C-alpha atoms as a PDB file:
ATOM      1  CA  MET A   1     171.642 -18.709 -27.463  1.00  0.00           C
ATOM      2  CA  LYS A   2     174.025 -20.536 -29.838  1.00  0.00           C
ATOM      3  CA  THR A   3     171.167 -22.693 -30.984  1.00  0.00           C
ATOM      4  CA  LYS A   4     169.085 -19.666 -31.919  1.00  0.00           C
ATOM      5  CA  ILE A   5     172.039 -18.177 -33.874  1.00  0.00           C
ATOM      6  CA  ILE A   6     172.599 -21.450 -35.847  1.00  0.00           C
ATOM      7  CA  VAL A   7     168.905 -21.792 -36.610  1.00  0.00           C
ATOM      8  CA  GLY A   8     168.771 -18.173 -37.763  1.00  0.00           C
ATOM      9  CA  MET A   9     171.801 -18.559 -40.038  1.00  0.00           C
ATOM     10  CA  SER A  10     170.357 -21.743 -41.536  1.00  0.00           C
ATOM     11  CA  ALA A  11     167.088 -20.050 -42.335  1.00  0.00           C
ATOM     12  CA  PHE A  12     168.952 -17.131 -43.936  1.00  0.00           C
ATOM     13  CA  LEU A  13     171.016 -19.464 -46.162  1.00  0.00           C
ATOM     14  CA  LEU A  14     167.991 -21.452 -47.260  1.00  0.00           C
ATOM     15  CA  ALA A  15     166.281 -18.268 -48.323  1.00  0.00           C
ATOM     16  CA  ALA A  16     169.354 -16.807 -50.038  1.00  0.00           C
ATOM     17  CA  ILE A  17     170.652 -19.825 -52.035  1.00  0.00           C
ATOM     18  CA  PRO A  18     167.833 -19.840 -54.649  1.00  0.00           C
ATOM     19  CA  ASN A  19     168.330 -16.149 -55.270  1.00  0.00           C
ATOM     20  CA  LEU A  20     172.103 -16.607 -55.582  1.00  0.00           C
ATOM     21  CA  ILE A  21     171.684 -19.419 -58.094  1.00  0.00           C
ATOM     22  CA  GLY A  22     169.235 -17.354 -60.115  1.00  0.00           C
ATOM     23  CA  GLN A  23     171.635 -14.412 -60.213  1.00  0.00           C
ATOM     24  CA  ASP A  24     174.551 -16.648 -61.281  1.00  0.00           C
ATOM     25  CA  LEU A  25     172.519 -18.133 -64.112  1.00  0.00           C
ATOM     26  CA  ALA A  26     171.479 -14.669 -65.199  1.00  0.00           C
ATOM     27  CA  ARG A  27     175.159 -13.670 -65.409  1.00  0.00           C
ATOM     28  CA  ASN A  28     176.076 -16.981 -67.213  1.00  0.00           C
ATOM     29  CA  PRO A  29     173.249 -17.974 -69.577  1.00  0.00           C
ATOM     30  CA  GLY A  30     175.487 -20.703 -70.987  1.00  0.00           C
ATOM     31  CA  ALA A  31     175.320 -22.503 -67.686  1.00  0.00           C
ATOM     32  CA  ASP A  32     171.572 -22.855 -68.094  1.00  0.00           C
ATOM     33  CA  SER A  33     171.971 -24.351 -71.597  1.00  0.00           C
ATOM     34  CA  VAL A  34     174.642 -26.725 -70.354  1.00  0.00           C
ATOM     35  CA  LEU A  35     172.405 -27.895 -67.540  1.00  0.00           C
ATOM     36  CA  LEU A  36     169.449 -28.257 -69.882  1.00  0.00           C
ATOM     37  CA  ALA A  37     171.506 -30.124 -72.450  1.00  0.00           C
ATOM     38  CA  TYR A  38     172.902 -32.449 -69.854  1.00  0.00           C
ATOM     39  CA  ASP A  39     169.518 -32.982 -68.287  1.00  0.00           C
ATOM     40  CA  GLN A  40     167.820 -33.576 -71.704  1.00  0.00           C
ATOM     41  CA  PRO A  41     167.372 -37.291 -72.495  1.00  0.00           C
ATOM     42  CA  HIS A  42     169.794 -38.260 -75.328  1.00  0.00           C
ATOM     43  CA  ALA A  43     167.127 -40.513 -76.838  1.00  0.00           C
ATOM     44  CA  ALA A  44     165.307 -37.410 -78.033  1.00  0.00           C
ATOM     45  CA  ALA A  45     167.826 -37.060 -80.934  1.00  0.00           C
ATOM     46  CA  ALA A  46     167.709 -40.736 -81.866  1.00  0.00           C
ATOM     47  CA  PRO A  47     164.553 -40.782 -84.024  1.00  0.00           C
ATOM     48  CA  ALA A  48     165.996 -38.276 -86.533  1.00  0.00           C
ATOM     49  CA  ASP A  49     169.330 -40.113 -86.732  1.00  0.00           C
ATOM     50  CA  ALA A  50     167.555 -43.453 -87.042  1.00  0.00           C
ATOM     51  CA  ASP A  51     165.296 -42.110 -89.783  1.00  0.00           C
ATOM     52  CA  ASN A  52     168.327 -40.810 -91.710  1.00  0.00           C
ATOM     53  CA  ALA A  53     170.130 -44.143 -91.363  1.00  0.00           C
ATOM     54  CA  VAL A  54     167.071 -46.111 -92.430  1.00  0.00           C
ATOM     55  CA  GLY A  55     166.508 -43.753 -95.355  1.00  0.00           C
ATOM     56  CA  ALA A  56     170.120 -44.068 -96.527  1.00  0.00           C
ATOM     57  CA  ALA A  57     169.974 -47.863 -96.291  1.00  0.00           C
ATOM     58  CA  ALA A  58     166.703 -47.920 -98.220  1.00  0.00           C
ATOM     59  CA  ASP A  59     168.175 -45.666-100.932  1.00  0.00           C
ATOM     60  CA  ALA A  60     171.213 -47.952-101.236  1.00  0.00           C
ATOM     61  CA  LYS A  61     169.010 -51.032-101.568  1.00  0.00           C
ATOM     62  CA  ASP A  62     166.820 -49.308-104.155  1.00  0.00           C
ATOM     63  CA  GLU A  63     169.915 -48.366-106.150  1.00  0.00           C
ATOM     64  CA  GLU A  64     171.255 -51.933-106.064  1.00  0.00           C
ATOM     65  CA  ALA A  65     167.869 -53.316-107.118  1.00  0.00           C
ATOM     66  CA  ASP A  66     167.687 -50.810-109.971  1.00  0.00           C
ATOM     67  CA  LEU A  67     171.219 -51.638-111.124  1.00  0.00           C
ATOM     68  CA  ALA A  68     170.557 -55.388-110.996  1.00  0.00           C
ATOM     69  CA  LYS A  69     167.448 -54.866-113.132  1.00  0.00           C
ATOM     70  CA  LYS A  70     169.230 -52.611-115.639  1.00  0.00           C
ATOM     71  CA  LEU A  71     172.092 -55.087-116.035  1.00  0.00           C
ATOM     72  CA  ASN A  72     169.622 -57.591-117.476  1.00  0.00           C
ATOM     73  CA  ASN A  73     168.372 -55.015-119.978  1.00  0.00           C
ATOM     74  CA  PRO A  74     170.652 -54.428-123.005  1.00  0.00           C
ATOM     75  CA  LEU A  75     168.730 -51.188-123.695  1.00  0.00           C
ATOM     76  CA  ALA A  76     168.971 -49.700-120.191  1.00  0.00           C
ATOM     77  CA  ALA A  77     169.907 -46.033-119.817  1.00  0.00           C
ATOM     78  CA  LEU A  78     173.030 -46.978-117.873  1.00  0.00           C
ATOM     79  CA  ILE A  79     176.664 -46.431-118.805  1.00  0.00           C
ATOM     80  CA  SER A  80     178.527 -49.677-118.195  1.00  0.00           C
ATOM     81  CA  VAL A  81     181.828 -51.265-119.201  1.00  0.00           C
ATOM     82  CA  PRO A  82     181.712 -55.070-119.062  1.00  0.00           C
ATOM     83  CA  ILE A  83     184.950 -57.000-119.510  1.00  0.00           C
ATOM     84  CA  GLN A  84     183.762 -60.471-120.440  1.00  0.00           C
ATOM     85  CA  ASN A  85     186.456 -63.143-120.084  1.00  0.00           C
ATOM     86  CA  ASN A  86     185.774 -66.380-121.988  1.00  0.00           C
ATOM     87  CA  TRP A  87     187.722 -69.626-122.029  1.00  0.00           C
ATOM     88  CA  ASP A  88     186.770 -72.293-124.585  1.00  0.00           C
ATOM     89  CA  PHE A  89     188.245 -75.792-124.542  1.00  0.00           C
ATOM     90  CA  GLY A  90     188.546 -78.714-126.960  1.00  0.00           C
ATOM     91  CA  LEU A  91     189.231 -76.874-130.228  1.00  0.00           C
ATOM     92  CA  GLY A  92     190.769 -78.707-133.164  1.00  0.00           C
ATOM     93  CA  PRO A  93     192.828 -81.908-133.242  1.00  0.00           C
ATOM     94  CA  ALA A  94     195.010 -80.541-130.396  1.00  0.00           C
ATOM     95  CA  HIS A  95     191.966 -79.962-128.166  1.00  0.00           C
ATOM     96  CA  ALA A  96     193.277 -76.438-127.741  1.00  0.00           C
ATOM     97  CA  MET A  97     192.104 -73.549-125.578  1.00  0.00           C
ATOM     98  CA  GLN A  98     191.010 -70.112-126.720  1.00  0.00           C
ATOM     99  CA  TYR A  99     190.848 -67.107-124.394  1.00  0.00           C
ATOM    100  CA  LYS A 100     188.773 -64.135-125.470  1.00  0.00           C
ATOM    101  CA  ALA A 101     188.246 -60.944-123.471  1.00  0.00           C
ATOM    102  CA  ASN A 102     185.325 -59.000-124.915  1.00  0.00           C
ATOM    103  CA  ILE A 103     185.504 -55.322-123.970  1.00  0.00           C
ATOM    104  CA  GLN A 104     181.881 -54.205-124.260  1.00  0.00           C
ATOM    105  CA  PRO A 105     181.174 -50.564-123.342  1.00  0.00           C
ATOM    106  CA  VAL A 106     177.504 -49.529-123.410  1.00  0.00           C
ATOM    107  CA  ILE A 107     176.724 -45.819-123.761  1.00  0.00           C
ATOM    108  CA  PRO A 108     173.118 -44.537-123.822  1.00  0.00           C
ATOM    109  CA  VAL A 109     172.460 -41.159-125.447  1.00  0.00           C
ATOM    110  CA  SER A 110     169.185 -39.260-125.112  1.00  0.00           C
ATOM    111  CA  ILE A 111     168.360 -37.984-128.599  1.00  0.00           C
ATOM    112  CA  SER A 112     164.860 -36.655-127.909  1.00  0.00           C
ATOM    113  CA  GLU A 113     162.186 -36.498-125.246  1.00  0.00           C
ATOM    114  CA  ASN A 114     160.988 -40.004-126.110  1.00  0.00           C
ATOM    115  CA  TRP A 115     163.970 -41.798-127.648  1.00  0.00           C
ATOM    116  CA  ASN A 116     167.390 -43.088-126.638  1.00  0.00           C
ATOM    117  CA  LEU A 117     170.274 -44.197-128.831  1.00  0.00           C
ATOM    118  CA  ILE A 118     172.159 -47.089-127.236  1.00  0.00           C
ATOM    119  CA  LEU A 119     175.735 -47.598-128.453  1.00  0.00           C
ATOM    120  CA  ARG A 120     176.986 -51.145-127.792  1.00  0.00           C
ATOM    121  CA  THR A 121     180.523 -52.122-128.757  1.00  0.00           C
ATOM    122  CA  ILE A 122     182.187 -55.545-128.679  1.00  0.00           C
ATOM    123  CA  MET A 123     185.967 -55.468-129.115  1.00  0.00           C
ATOM    124  CA  PRO A 124     187.630 -58.864-128.552  1.00  0.00           C
ATOM    125  CA  VAL A 125     191.177 -59.467-127.339  1.00  0.00           C
ATOM    126  CA  ILE A 126     192.113 -63.054-128.241  1.00  0.00           C
ATOM    127  CA  TYR A 127     194.722 -65.650-127.393  1.00  0.00           C
ATOM    128  CA  GLN A 128     194.420 -68.837-129.454  1.00  0.00           C
ATOM    129  CA  GLU A 129     196.518 -71.915-128.790  1.00  0.00           C
ATOM    130  CA  ALA A 130     197.718 -73.973-131.761  1.00  0.00           C
ATOM    131  CA  LEU A 131     194.729 -75.931-133.036  1.00  0.00           C
ATOM    132  CA  ASP A 132     196.832 -78.664-134.652  1.00  0.00           C
ATOM    133  CA  ASN A 133     200.081 -79.804-133.059  1.00  0.00           C
ATOM    134  CA  ARG A 134     200.910 -82.410-135.699  1.00  0.00           C
ATOM    135  CA  PRO A 135     204.140 -81.973-137.710  1.00  0.00           C
ATOM    136  CA  GLY A 136     203.658 -80.034-140.922  1.00  0.00           C
ATOM    137  CA  ALA A 137     200.470 -78.240-139.849  1.00  0.00           C
ATOM    138  CA  PRO A 138     200.130 -74.818-141.549  1.00  0.00           C
ATOM    139  CA  ALA A 139     200.860 -71.708-139.487  1.00  0.00           C
ATOM    140  CA  SER A 140     197.176 -70.773-139.375  1.00  0.00           C
ATOM    141  CA  VAL A 141     196.458 -73.758-137.122  1.00  0.00           C
ATOM    142  CA  GLY A 142     199.922 -75.032-136.162  1.00  0.00           C
ATOM    143  CA  GLN A 143     200.919 -71.932-134.201  1.00  0.00           C
ATOM    144  CA  SER A 144     199.362 -69.905-131.404  1.00  0.00           C
ATOM    145  CA  HIS A 145     198.073 -66.404-132.166  1.00  0.00           C
ATOM    146  CA  SER A 146     197.157 -63.389-130.068  1.00  0.00           C
ATOM    147  CA  GLY A 147     195.876 -59.875-130.642  1.00  0.00           C
ATOM    148  CA  LEU A 148     192.690 -57.963-131.362  1.00  0.00           C
ATOM    149  CA  GLY A 149     189.762 -59.526-133.205  1.00  0.00           C
ATOM    150  CA  ASP A 150     187.131 -57.803-135.362  1.00  0.00           C
ATOM    151  CA  THR A 151     184.841 -55.247-133.683  1.00  0.00           C
ATOM    152  CA  THR A 152     181.046 -55.318-133.721  1.00  0.00           C
ATOM    153  CA  GLN A 153     179.326 -51.945-133.213  1.00  0.00           C
ATOM    154  CA  SER A 154     175.548 -51.826-132.663  1.00  0.00           C
ATOM    155  CA  PHE A 155     173.272 -48.771-132.701  1.00  0.00           C
ATOM    156  CA  PHE A 156     169.878 -49.314-131.045  1.00  0.00           C
ATOM    157  CA  PHE A 157     167.158 -46.677-131.348  1.00  0.00           C
ATOM    158  CA  SER A 158     164.887 -47.364-128.381  1.00  0.00           C
ATOM    159  CA  PRO A 159     161.710 -45.728-127.032  1.00  0.00           C
ATOM    160  CA  LYS A 160     162.263 -44.500-123.473  1.00  0.00           C
ATOM    161  CA  ASP A 161     158.937 -46.007-122.384  1.00  0.00           C
ATOM    162  CA  PRO A 162     157.927 -49.654-122.925  1.00  0.00           C
ATOM    163  CA  VAL A 163     155.466 -50.441-125.710  1.00  0.00           C
ATOM    164  CA  ASP A 164     152.640 -52.574-124.284  1.00  0.00           C
ATOM    165  CA  GLY A 165     155.071 -53.790-121.637  1.00  0.00           C
ATOM    166  CA  TRP A 166     157.869 -54.581-124.113  1.00  0.00           C
ATOM    167  CA  ILE A 167     161.229 -52.801-124.130  1.00  0.00           C
ATOM    168  CA  LEU A 168     162.193 -52.482-127.795  1.00  0.00           C
ATOM    169  CA  GLY A 169     165.193 -51.406-129.830  1.00  0.00           C
ATOM    170  CA  ALA A 170     166.369 -51.651-133.424  1.00  0.00           C
ATOM    171  CA  GLY A 171     168.982 -50.167-135.691  1.00  0.00           C
ATOM    172  CA  PRO A 172     172.090 -50.886-137.763  1.00  0.00           C
ATOM    173  CA  VAL A 173     175.083 -52.992-136.788  1.00  0.00           C
ATOM    174  CA  ALA A 174     178.582 -52.526-138.225  1.00  0.00           C
ATOM    175  CA  TYR A 175     181.329 -55.124-138.495  1.00  0.00           C
ATOM    176  CA  ILE A 176     184.798 -53.536-138.492  1.00  0.00           C
ATOM    177  CA  PRO A 177     188.015 -55.436-139.412  1.00  0.00           C
ATOM    178  CA  THR A 178     190.155 -54.382-136.449  1.00  0.00           C
ATOM    179  CA  ALA A 179     191.995 -57.726-136.120  1.00  0.00           C
ATOM    180  CA  THR A 180     195.748 -57.323-135.706  1.00  0.00           C
ATOM    181  CA  THR A 181     196.450 -60.559-137.592  1.00  0.00           C
ATOM    182  CA  SER A 182     194.600 -62.297-140.408  1.00  0.00           C
ATOM    183  CA  TYR A 183     194.315 -65.434-138.261  1.00  0.00           C
ATOM    184  CA  LEU A 184     192.005 -63.652-135.772  1.00  0.00           C
ATOM    185  CA  GLY A 185     189.683 -61.766-138.137  1.00  0.00           C
ATOM    186  CA  SER A 186     187.833 -61.912-141.424  1.00  0.00           C
ATOM    187  CA  GLY A 187     189.432 -58.967-143.208  1.00  0.00           C
ATOM    188  CA  GLN A 188     185.946 -57.817-144.236  1.00  0.00           C
ATOM    189  CA  TRP A 189     183.766 -54.770-143.588  1.00  0.00           C
ATOM    190  CA  GLY A 190     180.156 -55.665-142.868  1.00  0.00           C
ATOM    191  CA  ALA A 191     176.795 -54.221-141.875  1.00  0.00           C
ATOM    192  CA  GLY A 192     173.199 -55.230-141.308  1.00  0.00           C
ATOM    193  CA  PRO A 193     170.191 -54.834-139.020  1.00  0.00           C
ATOM    194  CA  THR A 194     169.955 -55.612-135.302  1.00  0.00           C
ATOM    195  CA  VAL A 195     166.915 -55.839-133.020  1.00  0.00           C
ATOM    196  CA  VAL A 196     166.143 -56.542-129.374  1.00  0.00           C
ATOM    197  CA  ALA A 197     162.883 -57.084-127.509  1.00  0.00           C
ATOM    198  CA  LEU A 198     162.412 -57.923-123.818  1.00  0.00           C
ATOM    199  CA  ARG A 199     160.076 -57.770-120.842  1.00  0.00           C
ATOM    200  CA  GLN A 200     160.816 -57.309-117.143  1.00  0.00           C
ATOM    201  CA  GLU A 201     158.258 -58.401-114.553  1.00  0.00           C
ATOM    202  CA  HIS A 202     158.113 -60.162-111.172  1.00  0.00           C
ATOM    203  CA  GLY A 203     161.912 -60.389-111.007  1.00  0.00           C
ATOM    204  CA  PHE A 204     162.165 -62.039-114.447  1.00  0.00           C
ATOM    205  CA  THR A 205     163.770 -60.636-117.585  1.00  0.00           C
ATOM    206  CA  TYR A 206     163.233 -62.471-120.858  1.00  0.00           C
ATOM    207  CA  GLY A 207     163.624 -61.621-124.497  1.00  0.00           C
ATOM    208  CA  ILE A 208     165.757 -61.954-127.603  1.00  0.00           C
ATOM    209  CA  LEU A 209     168.583 -60.064-129.318  1.00  0.00           C
ATOM    210  CA  ALA A 210     169.472 -60.753-132.952  1.00  0.00           C
ATOM    211  CA  ASN A 211     171.438 -59.400-135.883  1.00  0.00           C
ATOM    212  CA  GLN A 212     172.393 -60.266-139.441  1.00  0.00           C
ATOM    213  CA  ILE A 213     175.698 -59.157-140.957  1.00  0.00           C
ATOM    214  CA  TRP A 214     176.729 -59.166-144.627  1.00  0.00           C
ATOM    215  CA  SER A 215     180.175 -58.105-145.793  1.00  0.00           C
ATOM    216  CA  PHE A 216     180.275 -55.455-148.520  1.00  0.00           C
ATOM    217  CA  THR A 217     184.006 -54.896-149.013  1.00  0.00           C
ATOM    218  CA  GLY A 218     187.356 -56.104-147.770  1.00  0.00           C
ATOM    219  CA  GLN A 219     190.345 -58.237-148.678  1.00  0.00           C
ATOM    220  CA  GLN A 220     189.724 -59.961-151.992  1.00  0.00           C
ATOM    221  CA  ASN A 221     191.318 -63.262-151.024  1.00  0.00           C
ATOM    222  CA  ARG A 222     189.172 -63.721-147.925  1.00  0.00           C
ATOM    223  CA  ASN A 223     185.779 -65.373-147.481  1.00  0.00           C
ATOM    224  CA  GLU A 224     182.745 -63.122-147.407  1.00  0.00           C
ATOM    225  CA  VAL A 225     180.816 -62.667-144.158  1.00  0.00           C
ATOM    226  CA  ASN A 226     177.174 -63.731-144.129  1.00  0.00           C
ATOM    227  CA  ALA A 227     176.225 -64.613-140.564  1.00  0.00           C
ATOM    228  CA  ALA A 228     173.187 -64.467-138.301  1.00  0.00           C
ATOM    229  CA  TYR A 229     173.345 -64.083-134.535  1.00  0.00           C
ATOM    230  CA  VAL A 230     170.426 -64.995-132.249  1.00  0.00           C
ATOM    231  CA  GLN A 231     170.492 -64.670-128.458  1.00  0.00           C
ATOM    232  CA  PRO A 232     167.354 -65.671-126.559  1.00  0.00           C
ATOM    233  CA  PHE A 233     167.740 -65.040-122.838  1.00  0.00           C
ATOM    234  CA  VAL A 234     165.938 -65.399-119.514  1.00  0.00           C
ATOM    235  CA  ALA A 235     167.096 -64.186-116.110  1.00  0.00           C
ATOM    236  CA  TYR A 236     165.708 -64.030-112.589  1.00  0.00           C
ATOM    237  CA  THR A 237     166.909 -61.570-109.945  1.00  0.00           C
ATOM    238  CA  THR A 238     166.422 -62.413-106.247  1.00  0.00           C
ATOM    239  CA  LYS A 239     165.708 -60.000-103.393  1.00  0.00           C
ATOM    240  CA  THR A 240     169.441 -60.009-102.599  1.00  0.00           C
ATOM    241  CA  TYR A 241     170.189 -58.738-106.132  1.00  0.00           C
ATOM    242  CA  THR A 242     171.661 -62.042-107.271  1.00  0.00           C
ATOM    243  CA  THR A 243     170.767 -62.868-110.878  1.00  0.00           C
ATOM    244  CA  PHE A 244     170.561 -66.356-112.372  1.00  0.00           C
ATOM    245  CA  ALA A 245     170.553 -66.355-116.163  1.00  0.00           C
ATOM    246  CA  VAL A 246     170.459 -68.704-119.146  1.00  0.00           C
ATOM    247  CA  ASN A 247     171.045 -67.719-122.758  1.00  0.00           C
ATOM    248  CA  SER A 248     172.150 -69.090-126.092  1.00  0.00           C
ATOM    249  CA  GLU A 249     174.555 -66.979-128.152  1.00  0.00           C
ATOM    250  CA  SER A 250     173.913 -68.840-131.399  1.00  0.00           C
ATOM    251  CA  THR A 251     175.480 -68.021-134.752  1.00  0.00           C
ATOM    252  CA  TYR A 252     174.761 -69.399-138.201  1.00  0.00           C
ATOM    253  CA  ASN A 253     177.282 -69.120-141.033  1.00  0.00           C
ATOM    254  CA  TRP A 254     175.198 -69.008-144.211  1.00  0.00           C
ATOM    255  CA  GLN A 255     178.289 -69.437-146.415  1.00  0.00           C
ATOM    256  CA  ALA A 256     179.441 -72.655-144.735  1.00  0.00           C
ATOM    257  CA  GLU A 257     175.916 -73.687-143.613  1.00  0.00           C
ATOM    258  CA  GLN A 258     177.208 -74.264-140.084  1.00  0.00           C
ATOM    259  CA  ALA A 259     175.577 -73.465-136.746  1.00  0.00           C
ATOM    260  CA  THR A 260     177.318 -72.871-133.431  1.00  0.00           C
ATOM    261  CA  VAL A 261     174.939 -73.116-130.463  1.00  0.00           C
ATOM    262  CA  PRO A 262     176.379 -72.653-126.966  1.00  0.00           C
ATOM    263  CA  MET A 263     174.189 -72.675-123.858  1.00  0.00           C
ATOM    264  CA  ASN A 264     175.399 -70.322-121.115  1.00  0.00           C
ATOM    265  CA  PHE A 265     174.440 -70.763-117.460  1.00  0.00           C
ATOM    266  CA  MET A 266     175.426 -67.769-115.327  1.00  0.00           C
ATOM    267  CA  VAL A 267     175.110 -66.193-111.886  1.00  0.00           C
ATOM    268  CA  GLN A 268     175.707 -62.496-111.235  1.00  0.00           C
ATOM    269  CA  GLN A 269     175.978 -60.312-108.132  1.00  0.00           C
ATOM    270  CA  VAL A 270     176.011 -56.523-107.762  1.00  0.00           C
ATOM    271  CA  LEU A 271     178.371 -55.211-105.069  1.00  0.00           C
ATOM    272  CA  LYS A 272     179.807 -51.874-103.995  1.00  0.00           C
ATOM    273  CA  ILE A 273     183.567 -51.556-103.656  1.00  0.00           C
ATOM    274  CA  ALA A 274     184.821 -48.273-102.191  1.00  0.00           C
ATOM    275  CA  GLY A 275     181.353 -46.870-102.847  1.00  0.00           C
ATOM    276  CA  HIS A 276     181.409 -47.758-106.553  1.00  0.00           C
ATOM    277  CA  PRO A 277     178.956 -50.344-107.945  1.00  0.00           C
ATOM    278  CA  ILE A 278     180.492 -53.323-109.730  1.00  0.00           C
ATOM    279  CA  ALA A 279     178.874 -56.520-111.001  1.00  0.00           C
ATOM    280  CA  PHE A 280     180.603 -59.900-110.996  1.00  0.00           C
ATOM    281  CA  GLN A 281     179.377 -62.752-113.168  1.00  0.00           C
ATOM    282  CA  ALA A 282     180.547 -66.350-113.473  1.00  0.00           C
ATOM    283  CA  GLY A 283     179.236 -68.999-115.835  1.00  0.00           C
ATOM    284  CA  TYR A 284     179.575 -72.341-117.572  1.00  0.00           C
ATOM    285  CA  ARG A 285     179.041 -72.910-121.294  1.00  0.00           C
ATOM    286  CA  TYR A 286     178.219 -76.128-123.149  1.00  0.00           C
ATOM    287  CA  TYR A 287     178.073 -76.380-126.936  1.00  0.00           C
ATOM    288  CA  ILE A 288     175.009 -78.332-128.022  1.00  0.00           C
ATOM    289  CA  ASN A 289     175.909 -77.816-131.684  1.00  0.00           C
ATOM    290  CA  LYS A 290     179.210 -76.831-133.316  1.00  0.00           C
ATOM    291  CA  PRO A 291     181.180 -77.191-136.557  1.00  0.00           C
ATOM    292  CA  ASP A 292     183.953 -79.774-136.851  1.00  0.00           C
ATOM    293  CA  GLY A 293     186.867 -78.735-134.647  1.00  0.00           C
ATOM    294  CA  GLY A 294     184.706 -76.393-132.594  1.00  0.00           C
ATOM    295  CA  PRO A 295     184.929 -76.139-128.793  1.00  0.00           C
ATOM    296  CA  ASP A 296     183.257 -78.606-126.441  1.00  0.00           C
ATOM    297  CA  TRP A 297     182.727 -76.412-123.394  1.00  0.00           C
ATOM    298  CA  GLY A 298     183.799 -73.146-121.818  1.00  0.00           C
ATOM    299  CA  LEU A 299     183.875 -70.851-118.811  1.00  0.00           C
ATOM    300  CA  ARG A 300     183.016 -67.184-118.372  1.00  0.00           C
ATOM    301  CA  PHE A 301     183.931 -64.552-115.813  1.00  0.00           C
ATOM    302  CA  THR A 302     182.721 -60.979-116.302  1.00  0.00           C
ATOM    303  CA  ILE A 303     183.463 -57.793-114.393  1.00  0.00           C
ATOM    304  CA  THR A 304     181.109 -54.910-115.182  1.00  0.00           C
ATOM    305  CA  PHE A 305     181.938 -51.375-114.094  1.00  0.00           C
ATOM    306  CA  LEU A 306     178.760 -49.338-113.622  1.00  0.00           C
ATOM    307  CA  PHE A 307     178.329 -45.575-113.852  1.00  0.00           C
ATOM    308  CA  PRO A 308     174.790 -44.716-112.717  1.00  0.00           C
ATOM    309  CA  LYS A 309     173.501 -41.170-113.037  1.00  0.00           C
ATOM    310  CA  LYS A 310     173.733 -39.203-109.794  1.00  0.00           C
END
């Protein structure tokens, strides 16, 4: 008899439990979603997250590649502020050192649908050791000097699209006597033309930048300015956005008939610090031609702050 009762109760429970569960879920729809969520394989959400991560990484790499390419282009539509630190050694009878920090902001301005105006400024901050440490040397060379040098301001009008593969720019250049002491500047106002032409292909950037400056007014007791500047350059950027570059920042003083020809060998890397892109450059310079008392060799370290358009 007891066996029949137990069997009967078991059968009743087996029939009732599904109905009870169904009623409980009907009263608590959240329980169904919790069960479904728990039971759902977590891997189902992974493809979307993975795609987003891959896409973000690809965008970051594309941005770094674009920045590395634009850094090699003096006409790029990229706001940048390079601080170029230069040390030159072996000047004068004292084999002195000169430190020069060139503050070089570059500001592109869109002036029409097809043209940009590129504003490039070079403002030097200079420390010059005494060039001649012999007794009786005049103050101009027997003492150290520091302060601002003269400013060079270039205005490049540049087509937004390359012309037969060449990136071109031309315009006026101004020479402004901003030196804080006569020992660090010419005391002359000057102007002239400036041009740049370059190509970028297969990781290489090569071209030339040049200007010619003539003084037109200034201090009467100072020498006139009549100088040419020629900078041929070639650079190669790797897949890791490291750039190896060689250039010659050559000047020719037509008044004194003297040429200064340094060869610069540089390496540059684009990095992000706190999410902001910055380029670091280091280099060595050797003077293959110089006037008497000119430097023998030098070093360069540049930090470039970049402000790409968002």
